[in-house]
Protein backbone atom coordinates (compact mmCIF):
# COMPACT_ATOMS: atom_id res chain seq x y z
CA UNK A 1 29.76 -1.08 13.74
CA UNK A 2 28.87 -2.10 17.27
CA UNK A 3 27.33 -5.55 17.01
CA UNK A 4 26.17 -5.40 20.62
CA UNK A 5 23.04 -3.67 19.38
CA UNK A 6 21.91 -7.06 18.03
CA UNK A 7 20.79 -9.71 20.52
CA UNK A 8 21.48 -12.86 18.53
CA UNK A 9 19.87 -15.03 21.21
CA UNK A 10 16.50 -13.73 20.05
CA UNK A 11 17.13 -14.15 16.31
CA UNK A 12 16.41 -17.24 14.13
CA UNK A 13 20.14 -17.73 13.39
CA UNK A 14 20.73 -18.70 17.02
CA UNK A 15 19.57 -22.18 15.98
CA UNK A 16 22.63 -22.62 13.75
CA UNK A 17 25.29 -20.57 15.48
CA UNK A 18 25.01 -20.31 19.29
CA UNK A 19 26.03 -22.86 21.92
CA UNK A 20 28.38 -25.83 22.04
CA UNK A 21 25.76 -28.08 20.45
CA UNK A 22 25.94 -25.94 17.31
CA UNK A 23 29.64 -26.66 16.74
CA UNK A 24 28.86 -28.90 13.70
CA UNK A 25 26.86 -26.07 12.15
CA UNK A 26 29.64 -23.55 12.74
CA UNK A 27 32.16 -25.88 11.13
CA UNK A 28 30.34 -25.37 7.81
CA UNK A 29 30.68 -21.61 8.13
CA UNK A 30 34.39 -21.92 8.86
CA UNK A 31 34.66 -24.02 5.70
CA UNK A 32 33.36 -21.03 3.71
CA UNK A 33 35.94 -18.64 5.16
CA UNK A 34 33.88 -17.06 7.93
CA UNK A 35 35.45 -16.14 11.25
CA UNK A 36 33.84 -16.54 14.66
CA UNK A 37 33.17 -12.80 14.63
CA UNK A 38 31.11 -13.23 11.43
CA UNK A 39 29.18 -16.17 12.86
CA UNK A 40 28.24 -14.12 15.92
CA UNK A 41 26.55 -11.47 13.77
CA UNK A 42 22.99 -11.58 12.35
CA UNK A 43 22.67 -13.59 9.14
CA UNK A 44 21.07 -11.69 6.27
CA UNK A 45 19.78 -13.65 3.28
CA UNK A 46 20.57 -11.72 0.09
CA UNK A 47 18.34 -13.37 -2.50
CA UNK A 48 18.34 -12.58 -6.21
CA UNK A 49 16.61 -13.98 -9.25
CA UNK A 50 19.83 -13.67 -11.24
CA UNK A 51 20.15 -15.87 -14.29
CA UNK A 52 21.04 -15.71 -17.97
CA UNK A 53 17.49 -16.21 -19.22
CA UNK A 54 16.92 -12.57 -20.15
CA UNK A 55 18.24 -9.02 -19.68
CA UNK A 56 15.84 -8.49 -16.74
CA UNK A 57 18.05 -10.57 -14.47
CA UNK A 58 21.65 -10.22 -15.57
CA UNK A 59 22.44 -7.10 -13.48
CA UNK A 60 21.17 -8.55 -10.21
CA UNK A 61 24.31 -10.38 -9.16
CA UNK A 62 26.32 -7.15 -9.50
CA UNK A 63 23.86 -5.24 -7.35
CA UNK A 64 23.81 -8.01 -4.76
CA UNK A 65 27.51 -7.43 -4.09
CA UNK A 66 26.73 -3.84 -3.11
CA UNK A 67 23.97 -5.06 -0.80
CA UNK A 68 26.43 -7.44 0.86
CA UNK A 69 28.93 -4.60 1.33
CA UNK A 70 26.28 -2.54 3.10
CA UNK A 71 25.26 -5.47 5.31
CA UNK A 72 28.88 -6.12 6.34
CA UNK A 73 29.63 -2.48 7.10
CA UNK A 74 26.48 -2.23 9.22
CA UNK A 75 27.35 -5.23 11.37
CA UNK A 76 25.74 -8.20 9.62
CA UNK A 77 26.85 -11.31 7.77
CA UNK A 78 25.31 -11.58 4.30
CA UNK A 79 24.49 -14.98 2.80
CA UNK A 80 23.78 -14.74 -0.90
CA UNK A 81 21.50 -17.19 -2.69
CA UNK A 82 19.48 -17.28 -5.88
CA UNK A 83 16.11 -18.59 -6.90
CA UNK A 84 14.42 -19.22 -10.23
CA UNK A 85 12.66 -16.87 -12.54
CA UNK A 86 10.67 -17.34 -15.72
CA UNK A 87 10.99 -14.39 -18.06
CA UNK A 88 7.71 -13.54 -19.76
CA UNK A 89 9.22 -11.99 -22.88
CA UNK A 90 10.82 -15.32 -23.77
CA UNK A 91 7.99 -17.47 -22.42
CA UNK A 92 5.39 -15.47 -24.38
CA UNK A 93 3.23 -16.93 -27.11
CA UNK A 94 3.88 -20.65 -26.56
CA UNK A 95 3.53 -23.38 -23.96
CA UNK A 96 6.33 -21.90 -21.89
CA UNK A 97 4.00 -19.13 -20.70
CA UNK A 98 2.14 -21.68 -18.55
CA UNK A 99 5.22 -21.64 -16.31
CA UNK A 100 5.20 -17.90 -15.68
CA UNK A 101 2.59 -17.34 -12.97
CA UNK A 102 3.48 -20.70 -11.42
CA UNK A 103 7.03 -19.38 -11.00
CA UNK A 104 5.74 -16.66 -8.65
CA UNK A 105 4.72 -19.35 -6.16
CA UNK A 106 7.98 -21.26 -6.59
CA UNK A 107 10.01 -18.08 -6.05
CA UNK A 108 8.10 -17.39 -2.83
CA UNK A 109 8.23 -21.02 -1.70
CA UNK A 110 11.92 -21.55 -2.50
CA UNK A 111 12.87 -18.33 -0.73
CA UNK A 112 10.85 -19.39 2.28
CA UNK A 113 12.50 -22.82 2.35
CA UNK A 114 16.02 -21.41 2.02
CA UNK A 115 15.46 -18.92 4.83
CA UNK A 116 13.77 -21.51 7.06
CA UNK A 117 16.37 -24.17 6.36
CA UNK A 118 19.33 -21.94 7.19
CA UNK A 119 17.69 -19.75 9.83
CA UNK A 120 18.39 -16.37 8.29
CA UNK A 121 17.43 -13.34 10.35
CA UNK A 122 16.46 -10.96 7.56
CA UNK A 123 16.10 -10.69 3.80
CA UNK A 124 17.20 -8.28 1.11
CA UNK A 125 15.56 -9.37 -2.14
CA UNK A 126 16.57 -8.23 -5.65
CA UNK A 127 14.33 -9.03 -8.59
CA UNK A 128 13.98 -8.04 -12.22
CA UNK A 129 11.20 -9.82 -14.12
CA UNK A 130 7.45 -9.77 -13.73
CA UNK A 131 6.72 -12.60 -11.29
CA UNK A 132 9.95 -12.38 -9.34
CA UNK A 133 9.01 -9.03 -7.80
CA UNK A 134 5.73 -10.14 -6.19
CA UNK A 135 7.23 -13.57 -5.48
CA UNK A 136 9.98 -12.10 -3.29
CA UNK A 137 7.59 -9.65 -1.62
CA UNK A 138 5.25 -12.55 -0.82
CA UNK A 139 8.11 -14.48 0.79
CA UNK A 140 9.09 -11.44 2.88
CA UNK A 141 5.59 -10.99 4.26
CA UNK A 142 5.14 -14.74 4.79
CA UNK A 143 8.34 -15.14 6.81
CA UNK A 144 7.89 -11.76 8.50
CA UNK A 145 11.59 -11.24 9.17
CA UNK A 146 12.96 -7.71 8.62
CA UNK A 147 13.09 -7.27 4.85
CA UNK A 148 14.04 -4.78 2.15
CA UNK A 149 13.03 -5.22 -1.47
CA UNK A 150 15.03 -3.77 -4.34
CA UNK A 151 14.21 -3.68 -8.03
CA UNK A 152 17.02 -4.48 -10.45
CA UNK A 153 16.07 -1.61 -12.75
CA UNK A 154 14.54 -1.13 -16.18
CA UNK A 155 16.17 -1.54 -19.56
CA UNK A 156 17.25 1.52 -21.53
CA UNK A 157 14.90 2.37 -24.41
CA UNK A 158 15.91 1.26 -27.86
CA UNK A 159 16.10 3.69 -30.78
CA UNK A 160 14.43 2.89 -34.08
CA UNK A 161 14.24 5.57 -36.76
CA UNK A 162 14.46 8.36 -34.22
CA UNK A 163 11.88 7.01 -31.78
CA UNK A 164 12.15 5.28 -28.41
CA UNK A 165 11.06 1.64 -28.69
CA UNK A 166 10.53 -1.33 -26.38
CA UNK A 167 10.08 -5.04 -26.83
CA UNK A 168 6.32 -4.43 -27.22
CA UNK A 169 7.08 -2.62 -30.48
CA UNK A 170 8.76 -5.82 -31.67
CA UNK A 171 5.71 -7.90 -30.76
CA UNK A 172 3.51 -5.43 -32.63
CA UNK A 173 5.92 -5.52 -35.58
CA UNK A 174 5.02 -9.19 -36.04
CA UNK A 175 1.42 -8.15 -36.67
CA UNK A 176 2.53 -5.36 -38.99
CA UNK A 177 4.57 -7.87 -40.97
CA UNK A 178 1.54 -10.17 -41.21
CA UNK A 179 -0.53 -7.22 -42.45
CA UNK A 180 2.07 -6.29 -45.07
CA UNK A 181 2.87 -3.01 -43.30
CA UNK A 182 6.45 -3.92 -42.47
CA UNK A 183 9.09 -5.92 -44.31
CA UNK A 184 11.05 -8.81 -42.86
CA UNK A 185 14.17 -6.66 -43.14
CA UNK A 186 12.54 -3.89 -41.09
CA UNK A 187 11.43 -6.35 -38.41
CA UNK A 188 14.98 -7.66 -38.21
CA UNK A 189 16.34 -4.12 -37.92
CA UNK A 190 13.91 -3.36 -35.09
CA UNK A 191 14.58 -6.56 -33.12
CA UNK A 192 18.31 -5.78 -33.12
CA UNK A 193 17.91 -2.37 -31.45
CA UNK A 194 14.79 -2.66 -29.26
CA UNK A 195 16.56 -3.98 -26.15
CA UNK A 196 19.99 -2.30 -25.86
CA UNK A 197 20.96 -3.08 -22.25
CA UNK A 198 20.40 -5.08 -19.10
CA UNK A 199 17.13 -4.45 -17.30
CA UNK A 200 13.41 -5.21 -17.32
CA UNK A 201 11.00 -4.16 -20.08
CA UNK A 202 11.02 -0.38 -20.25
CA UNK A 203 7.36 0.67 -20.23
CA UNK A 204 4.91 0.58 -17.34
CA UNK A 205 4.51 -3.11 -17.90
CA UNK A 206 4.33 -5.63 -15.04
CA UNK A 207 7.95 -5.36 -13.82
CA UNK A 208 7.95 -1.56 -13.60
CA UNK A 209 4.42 -1.62 -12.21
CA UNK A 210 5.45 -3.89 -9.34
CA UNK A 211 8.65 -1.88 -8.86
CA UNK A 212 6.44 1.19 -8.39
CA UNK A 213 4.38 -0.88 -5.95
CA UNK A 214 7.50 -1.79 -3.94
CA UNK A 215 8.01 1.88 -3.02
CA UNK A 216 4.33 2.66 -2.51
CA UNK A 217 3.74 -0.35 -0.26
CA UNK A 218 6.77 0.62 1.82
CA UNK A 219 9.07 -2.38 1.29
CA UNK A 220 11.69 -0.52 -0.80
CA UNK A 221 13.88 2.52 -0.16
CA UNK A 222 12.32 5.64 -1.74
CA UNK A 223 13.68 6.27 -5.22
CA UNK A 224 15.22 2.79 -5.58
CA UNK A 225 12.81 1.68 -8.31
CA UNK A 226 13.72 4.39 -10.79
CA UNK A 227 17.25 4.22 -12.16
CA UNK A 228 17.77 1.95 -15.19
CA UNK A 229 19.70 -1.27 -14.59
CA UNK A 230 23.02 -0.12 -16.13
CA UNK A 231 23.24 3.03 -13.97
CA UNK A 232 25.83 2.95 -11.19
CA UNK A 233 23.36 4.70 -8.89
CA UNK A 234 21.60 1.34 -8.56
CA UNK A 235 24.63 0.06 -6.70
CA UNK A 236 24.34 2.95 -4.25
CA UNK A 237 20.71 2.05 -3.57
CA UNK A 238 21.78 -1.57 -3.14
CA UNK A 239 24.42 -0.52 -0.61
CA UNK A 240 21.86 1.58 1.27
CA UNK A 241 19.46 -1.38 1.27
CA UNK A 242 22.18 -3.42 2.98
CA UNK A 243 22.64 -0.69 5.59
CA UNK A 244 18.89 -0.33 6.11
CA UNK A 245 18.27 -4.02 6.71
CA UNK A 246 20.53 -3.90 9.76
CA UNK A 247 18.55 -0.95 11.14
CA UNK A 248 15.38 -3.00 10.68
CA UNK A 249 16.86 -5.94 12.59
CA UNK A 250 17.74 -3.59 15.43
CA UNK A 251 14.28 -1.98 15.54
CA UNK A 252 12.49 -5.28 14.75
CA UNK A 253 10.36 -3.50 12.15
CA UNK A 254 8.84 -6.31 10.09
CA UNK A 255 6.98 -6.62 6.76
CA UNK A 256 3.59 -7.13 8.43
CA UNK A 257 4.11 -3.84 10.27
CA UNK A 258 4.53 -2.25 6.86
CA UNK A 259 2.09 -4.18 4.64
CA UNK A 260 -1.33 -3.15 5.94
CA UNK A 261 -4.69 -2.56 4.31
CA UNK A 262 -3.76 1.12 3.90
CA UNK A 263 -0.39 0.38 2.30
CA UNK A 264 -2.08 -2.07 -0.08
CA UNK A 265 -4.50 0.69 -1.03
CA UNK A 266 -1.50 2.96 -1.64
CA UNK A 267 -0.02 0.30 -3.90
CA UNK A 268 -3.22 -0.04 -5.92
CA UNK A 269 -3.37 3.75 -6.22
CA UNK A 270 0.06 4.06 -7.85
CA UNK A 271 -0.81 1.25 -10.26
CA UNK A 272 -3.90 3.09 -11.45
CA UNK A 273 -2.21 6.49 -11.53
CA UNK A 274 0.64 5.16 -13.68
CA UNK A 275 -1.54 3.15 -16.09
CA UNK A 276 0.14 0.03 -14.74
CA UNK A 277 -0.29 -3.64 -15.47
CA UNK A 278 -3.53 -5.53 -14.88
CA UNK A 279 -1.35 -8.21 -13.30
CA UNK A 280 -1.20 -6.04 -10.19
CA UNK A 281 -4.76 -7.19 -9.53
CA UNK A 282 -3.33 -10.70 -9.10
CA UNK A 283 -0.21 -9.79 -7.18
CA UNK A 284 -1.61 -7.36 -4.59
CA UNK A 285 -4.21 -9.87 -3.31
CA UNK A 286 -1.46 -12.52 -3.20
CA UNK A 287 0.77 -10.26 -1.06
CA UNK A 288 -2.24 -9.45 1.13
CA UNK A 289 -2.89 -13.17 1.61
CA UNK A 290 0.58 -13.58 3.12
CA UNK A 291 -0.35 -10.98 5.74
CA UNK A 292 -3.81 -12.41 6.41
CA UNK A 293 -5.51 -9.33 4.94
CA UNK A 294 -8.70 -9.53 2.86
CA UNK A 295 -7.89 -7.56 -0.29
CA UNK A 296 -9.19 -9.10 -3.51
CA UNK A 297 -9.66 -8.06 -7.13
CA UNK A 298 -12.79 -6.06 -6.25
CA UNK A 299 -10.96 -4.10 -3.56
CA UNK A 300 -8.20 -3.33 -6.05
CA UNK A 301 -10.79 -2.28 -8.65
CA UNK A 302 -12.46 0.14 -6.20
CA UNK A 303 -9.15 1.95 -5.79
CA UNK A 304 -8.59 1.95 -9.55
CA UNK A 305 -12.01 3.50 -10.15
CA UNK A 306 -11.41 6.56 -7.97
CA UNK A 307 -7.76 7.23 -8.88
CA UNK A 308 -6.81 9.70 -11.64
CA UNK A 309 -4.47 8.54 -14.37
CA UNK A 310 -1.50 10.94 -14.29
CA UNK A 311 1.66 9.24 -15.64
CA UNK A 312 1.90 9.16 -19.44
CA UNK A 313 3.75 5.87 -19.72
CA UNK A 314 3.82 3.09 -22.30
CA UNK A 315 1.98 1.04 -23.42
CA UNK A 316 -0.96 3.48 -23.27
CA UNK A 317 1.19 6.61 -23.18
CA UNK A 318 4.35 8.11 -24.66
CA UNK A 319 7.14 7.56 -22.15
CA UNK A 320 9.24 4.78 -20.62
CA UNK A 321 10.50 4.17 -17.08
CA UNK A 322 13.77 6.03 -17.75
CA UNK A 323 11.77 9.15 -18.58
CA UNK A 324 9.86 9.01 -15.29
CA UNK A 325 13.13 8.50 -13.43
CA UNK A 326 14.58 11.63 -15.05
CA UNK A 327 11.73 13.80 -13.73
CA UNK A 328 12.02 12.42 -10.20
CA UNK A 329 10.70 8.88 -10.41
CA UNK A 330 8.19 7.16 -8.15
CA UNK A 331 8.61 9.69 -5.29
CA UNK A 332 7.28 12.48 -7.54
CA UNK A 333 4.32 10.33 -8.59
CA UNK A 334 3.60 9.51 -4.95
CA UNK A 335 4.05 13.08 -3.72
CA UNK A 336 1.55 14.31 -6.31
CA UNK A 337 -0.97 11.68 -5.22
CA UNK A 338 -0.32 12.39 -1.54
CA UNK A 339 -0.87 16.13 -1.94
CA UNK A 340 -4.06 15.36 -3.83
CA UNK A 341 -5.39 13.25 -0.97
CA UNK A 342 -5.07 9.89 -2.75
CA UNK A 343 -2.45 8.23 -0.48
CA UNK A 344 -2.35 7.30 3.18
CA UNK A 345 0.66 9.30 4.32
CA UNK A 346 0.82 7.70 7.77
CA UNK A 347 1.96 4.27 6.52
CA UNK A 348 5.34 3.20 7.90
CA UNK A 349 8.12 2.13 5.50
CA UNK A 350 11.47 0.31 5.61
CA UNK A 351 13.18 3.62 6.33
CA UNK A 352 11.44 3.68 9.71
CA UNK A 353 9.66 6.82 8.52
CA UNK A 354 6.17 7.27 7.16
CA UNK A 355 5.29 7.83 3.52
CA UNK A 356 4.60 11.47 4.32
CA UNK A 357 7.97 11.91 6.03
CA UNK A 358 9.82 10.21 3.15
CA UNK A 359 8.19 12.57 0.62
CA UNK A 360 8.46 15.76 2.67
CA UNK A 361 11.09 17.41 0.47
CA UNK A 362 9.88 16.19 -2.94
CA UNK A 363 8.91 19.02 -5.28
CA UNK A 364 6.75 18.56 -8.37
CA UNK A 365 8.92 19.28 -11.44
CA UNK A 366 7.86 21.91 -13.94
CA UNK A 367 8.29 21.92 -17.72
CA UNK A 368 7.66 18.19 -18.17
CA UNK A 369 4.71 16.13 -19.37
CA UNK A 370 5.61 12.68 -18.03
CA UNK A 371 3.74 13.07 -14.73
CA UNK A 372 0.66 15.31 -14.65
CA UNK A 373 -0.76 17.04 -11.56
CA UNK A 374 -3.87 15.40 -10.10
CA UNK A 375 -5.71 18.66 -10.85
CA UNK A 376 -5.11 18.07 -14.57
CA UNK A 377 -4.98 14.28 -15.09
CA UNK A 378 -4.80 12.42 -18.35
CA UNK A 379 -8.18 11.01 -17.31
CA UNK A 380 -10.31 11.06 -14.17
CA UNK A 381 -10.55 7.27 -14.13
CA UNK A 382 -7.53 5.16 -13.23
CA UNK A 383 -5.60 3.51 -16.01
CA UNK A 384 -6.92 0.10 -15.00
CA UNK A 385 -10.57 -0.67 -14.13
CA UNK A 386 -12.54 -3.62 -12.80
CA UNK A 387 -15.58 -5.12 -14.50
CA UNK A 388 -18.39 -7.31 -13.23
CA UNK A 389 -21.59 -8.79 -14.67
CA UNK A 390 -23.30 -12.03 -15.65
CA UNK A 391 -20.26 -12.98 -17.75
CA UNK A 392 -17.87 -12.30 -14.86
CA UNK A 393 -19.66 -12.75 -11.52
CA UNK A 394 -16.27 -12.91 -9.77
CA UNK A 395 -14.96 -9.96 -11.74
CA UNK A 396 -12.54 -9.12 -14.53
CA UNK A 397 -9.97 -6.43 -15.23
CA UNK A 398 -9.04 -4.19 -18.17
CA UNK A 399 -6.37 -1.54 -18.80
CA UNK A 400 -8.01 1.53 -20.33
CA UNK A 401 -5.00 3.89 -20.24
CA UNK A 402 -4.73 5.62 -23.59
CA UNK A 403 -8.04 4.24 -24.92
CA UNK A 404 -10.57 6.57 -26.54
CA UNK A 405 -13.66 4.35 -26.53
CA UNK A 406 -14.61 2.58 -23.30
CA UNK A 407 -17.80 0.92 -24.54
CA UNK A 408 -17.91 -2.07 -26.87
CA UNK A 409 -20.63 -4.46 -28.00
CA UNK A 410 -20.33 -7.23 -30.53
CA UNK A 411 -20.76 -10.91 -31.41
CA UNK A 412 -18.49 -13.49 -29.83
CA UNK A 413 -15.95 -15.56 -31.72
CA UNK A 414 -14.93 -18.33 -29.33
CA UNK A 415 -11.57 -20.10 -28.98
CA UNK A 416 -10.74 -22.80 -26.44
CA UNK A 417 -7.05 -21.83 -26.27
CA UNK A 418 -4.74 -18.92 -26.98
CA UNK A 419 -3.05 -20.93 -29.74
CA UNK A 420 -6.34 -21.25 -31.67
CA UNK A 421 -7.00 -17.52 -31.40
CA UNK A 422 -3.46 -16.51 -32.37
CA UNK A 423 -3.65 -18.65 -35.51
CA UNK A 424 -6.99 -17.08 -36.43
CA UNK A 425 -5.46 -13.62 -35.97
CA UNK A 426 -2.45 -14.59 -38.07
CA UNK A 427 -4.78 -15.84 -40.81
CA UNK A 428 -7.10 -12.82 -40.30
CA UNK A 429 -10.07 -15.11 -39.64
CA UNK A 430 -12.00 -12.58 -37.61
CA UNK A 431 -14.12 -9.52 -38.33
CA UNK A 432 -14.04 -5.94 -37.13
CA UNK A 433 -16.56 -5.46 -34.32
CA UNK A 434 -16.21 -8.97 -32.92
CA UNK A 435 -15.36 -9.96 -29.36
CA UNK A 436 -12.68 -12.64 -29.42
CA UNK A 437 -13.10 -15.03 -26.48
CA UNK A 438 -10.14 -17.11 -25.27
CA UNK A 439 -11.10 -19.59 -22.56
CA UNK A 440 -9.71 -22.56 -20.65
CA UNK A 441 -6.60 -20.46 -19.98
CA UNK A 442 -7.32 -19.68 -16.33
CA UNK A 443 -5.11 -20.56 -13.34
CA UNK A 444 -6.56 -24.06 -13.07
CA UNK A 445 -7.72 -24.69 -16.63
CA UNK A 446 -4.57 -23.59 -18.45
CA UNK A 447 -3.03 -24.47 -16.19
CA UNK A 448 -0.96 -21.41 -15.37
CA UNK A 449 -3.07 -18.50 -16.64
CA UNK A 450 -1.04 -17.55 -19.71
CA UNK A 451 -0.39 -13.95 -20.82
CA UNK A 452 -1.46 -13.13 -24.33
CA UNK A 453 0.74 -10.30 -25.53
CA UNK A 454 1.56 -12.10 -28.78
CA UNK A 455 -2.12 -12.13 -29.76
CA UNK A 456 -2.97 -8.58 -28.65
CA UNK A 457 0.20 -7.14 -30.16
CA UNK A 458 -0.53 -8.88 -33.46
CA UNK A 459 -4.00 -7.27 -33.54
CA UNK A 460 -2.47 -3.83 -32.97
CA UNK A 461 0.19 -4.51 -35.55
CA UNK A 462 -2.54 -5.35 -38.04
CA UNK A 463 -4.16 -2.00 -37.26
CA UNK A 464 -7.35 -3.35 -35.64
CA UNK A 465 -6.40 -3.01 -31.97
CA UNK A 466 -9.45 -0.86 -31.19
CA UNK A 467 -11.79 -2.50 -33.73
CA UNK A 468 -12.09 -5.79 -31.84
CA UNK A 469 -12.30 -6.66 -28.15
CA UNK A 470 -10.75 -9.66 -26.46
CA UNK A 471 -11.82 -11.36 -23.25
CA UNK A 472 -10.19 -14.28 -21.45
CA UNK A 473 -10.02 -16.18 -18.18
CA UNK A 474 -6.27 -15.96 -18.70
CA UNK A 475 -4.35 -12.73 -18.35
CA UNK A 476 -2.56 -10.09 -20.37
CA UNK A 477 0.93 -8.71 -20.35
CA UNK A 478 1.58 -5.35 -18.79
CA UNK A 479 2.53 -4.41 -22.34
CA UNK A 480 -0.95 -5.16 -23.70
CA UNK A 481 -3.11 -2.31 -24.95
CA UNK A 482 -6.58 -2.17 -26.46
CA UNK A 483 -9.94 -3.46 -25.22
CA UNK A 484 -8.46 -6.60 -23.66
CA UNK A 485 -10.25 -8.00 -20.62
CA UNK A 486 -8.56 -10.61 -18.46
CA UNK A 487 -9.01 -12.54 -15.20
CA UNK A 488 -12.65 -13.36 -16.06
CA UNK A 489 -14.02 -15.42 -13.20
CA UNK A 490 -15.14 -18.02 -12.51
CA UNK A 491 -12.84 -19.46 -15.14
CA UNK A 492 -14.03 -21.87 -17.83
CA UNK A 493 -12.41 -24.89 -16.13
CA UNK A 494 -14.76 -24.32 -13.18
CA UNK A 495 -17.84 -23.99 -15.37
CA UNK A 496 -17.98 -20.20 -15.24
CA UNK A 497 -20.21 -18.34 -17.71
CA UNK A 498 -17.24 -17.83 -20.06
CA UNK A 499 -17.36 -21.62 -20.67
CA UNK A 500 -20.95 -21.29 -21.89
CA UNK A 501 -20.46 -18.63 -24.58
CA UNK A 502 -21.29 -19.67 -28.15
CA UNK A 503 -20.22 -18.07 -31.43
CA UNK A 504 -22.48 -15.14 -32.25
CA UNK A 505 -23.60 -14.40 -28.69
CA UNK A 506 -23.63 -10.64 -28.09
CA UNK A 507 -21.21 -9.45 -25.42
CA UNK A 508 -21.62 -5.98 -23.92
CA UNK A 509 -18.64 -4.22 -22.33
CA UNK A 510 -18.86 -0.87 -20.53
CA UNK A 511 -15.65 0.21 -18.83
CA UNK A 512 -17.31 3.45 -17.67
CA UNK A 513 -20.01 1.60 -15.76
CA UNK A 514 -17.69 -1.33 -14.93
CA UNK A 515 -19.90 -4.02 -16.51
CA UNK A 516 -19.30 -7.16 -18.59
CA UNK A 517 -22.44 -8.98 -19.69
CA UNK A 518 -23.54 -11.78 -22.00
CA UNK A 519 -26.77 -10.83 -23.76
CA UNK A 520 -28.70 -14.07 -23.27
CA UNK A 521 -31.38 -15.08 -20.77
CA UNK A 522 -30.73 -16.76 -17.43
CA UNK A 523 -32.84 -19.67 -18.68
CA UNK A 524 -30.54 -20.17 -21.68
CA UNK A 525 -27.47 -19.93 -19.46
CA UNK A 526 -28.95 -22.57 -17.16
CA UNK A 527 -29.70 -24.84 -20.13
CA UNK A 528 -26.11 -24.58 -21.37
CA UNK A 529 -24.74 -25.09 -17.87
CA UNK A 530 -26.65 -28.35 -17.49
CA UNK A 531 -24.83 -29.86 -20.48
CA UNK A 532 -21.35 -28.51 -19.69
CA UNK A 533 -18.65 -31.02 -18.74
CA UNK A 534 -15.21 -30.33 -17.23
CA UNK A 535 -12.14 -30.84 -19.41
CA UNK A 536 -8.78 -32.38 -18.69
CA UNK A 537 -5.60 -30.51 -19.56
CA UNK A 538 -2.51 -32.00 -21.14
CA UNK A 539 -0.71 -31.53 -17.81
CA UNK A 540 -1.46 -34.54 -15.62
CA UNK A 541 1.88 -34.71 -13.84
CA UNK A 542 4.71 -32.44 -12.70
CA UNK A 543 4.73 -28.87 -11.43
CA UNK A 544 1.87 -27.63 -13.58
CA UNK A 545 -0.38 -30.48 -12.40
CA UNK A 546 0.44 -29.71 -8.76
CA UNK A 547 -0.33 -26.05 -9.37
CA UNK A 548 -3.69 -26.87 -10.98
CA UNK A 549 -4.67 -28.89 -7.90
CA UNK A 550 -3.81 -26.14 -5.43
CA UNK A 551 -4.50 -22.80 -7.10
CA UNK A 552 -7.50 -20.70 -6.16
CA UNK A 553 -9.37 -18.12 -8.22
CA UNK A 554 -7.86 -15.10 -9.92
CA UNK A 555 -10.26 -12.99 -7.83
CA UNK A 556 -8.22 -13.95 -4.73
CA UNK A 557 -4.81 -13.62 -6.39
CA UNK A 558 -4.41 -17.17 -7.79
CA UNK A 559 -2.60 -18.26 -4.63
CA UNK A 560 -1.81 -21.83 -3.63
CA UNK A 561 -2.04 -21.78 0.17
CA UNK A 562 -4.36 -20.36 2.84
CA UNK A 563 -2.04 -17.56 3.94
CA UNK A 564 -1.49 -15.99 7.33
CA UNK A 565 -5.07 -16.53 8.46
CA UNK A 566 -4.35 -20.25 8.84
CA UNK A 567 -0.84 -20.12 10.29
CA UNK A 568 -0.11 -21.38 13.81
CA UNK A 569 3.33 -19.82 13.97
CA UNK A 570 5.41 -17.10 12.35
CA UNK A 571 8.88 -18.15 11.19
CA UNK A 572 10.53 -15.05 12.63
CA UNK A 573 9.39 -16.00 16.15
CA UNK A 574 10.51 -19.64 16.16
């Protein structure tokens, strides 16, 4: 490859590699086995969230080697590094979950610091678990160096008594055991087969949702999100990602050229169409913030409301990510939406081509029921909808994919933590028709905005998933199903209306109309507000304390810095 096509004097790595005064810096590269020829090439940061915490991450190091091969063959010098990840499946249902959303910021921040500190010219990022995908995408947009994102791939479905299963089935099995519907032996049998390979959770939960987003927003090579983690085709996509990053350096096509208001709308569209995770309503505004674009929960919800639900994926549907891959993957989903007029086809992508050009030769597959045509959707409303009302002036979000009844009204049963609610569910200290309220679990008040899959799965396992509703200023897993409303804002820690609810108050939910209201007078709300006092958390030091001091509202993506609107420089131009 002719390296003359790269003018290193205009790239960030010139600060650590060019000129006599950079001899000390070059000596470090020689120590690692590089030759002068390697040092004269662009430096590409190949960042992964590889670790041994969970199956989501264990295939990433392998795929990174294929990325590095592509970079080298295309005239670059790859520099591999890793950052942290917190895996939600293991963090779920205990204090560890407070670390999950916080990890998104640390992933973005640590990637930024590594790239800044070593003056890398571009990034290829590989991620597997829920917060690592948006975290790396945020870093790419923040730094604004040429970047390619690549998903590590989903897990293969488990088999239990002839049916495909995922880890969500195991969470729900806990509730079935508590209800006497499943024996301890059966639970043990299920847990041993539910997760048979490397890869992220198999349904359209948060990881696969954000993987779908990576293609729709234009930061990933078309088709790269689909293949399961064990498949060798992932390595081919990784190699191509390494090749593509060098093309992007040459053309100087950057993430902020790609991530625009229209591409964000495309991303929200594929989330709704696939019945994706409510967490996308946190992550898309956070990515937008890095680009200086106003795109909050309400903007996401508007897209959700007008998008048909067309991919029959778990947890609301029948199929897993592997099934969608086998009928053509994300490109088929996007082509269907594009032809139906739901996507902006003119958005540029990392291929250097537009969405429309990338999808030109994609044909909708016949004789399958994984992805439906937009003319015959599973439902006219997107799989995720936004809510607003006197209980949520700043909004809330609910996944309705697969739900039959979208209206619910009932008396509140209030809990000031997830732990209190989970115990009540375990002990069956609730009644059918009630609205369970979990508060003081928001970004600031948790701190960390915990997911509550353990609680919602237990309700479904007990067979009452659609007989009660649940609302929280925390959030839900992408694997959650049922009438579960999260991201209620303002959160309780800021004195939002959710902090003022009392047991027995009637809560009215209408996902058709997009409303969430507390059936009491404004005068009574004002009276309660006058006596409300803020609470201290148990986290008065360390990372969680720092996060609680910095984090903004879920409505804006629960971010911890002002974003591109306040920047006085862009790293890529230093």
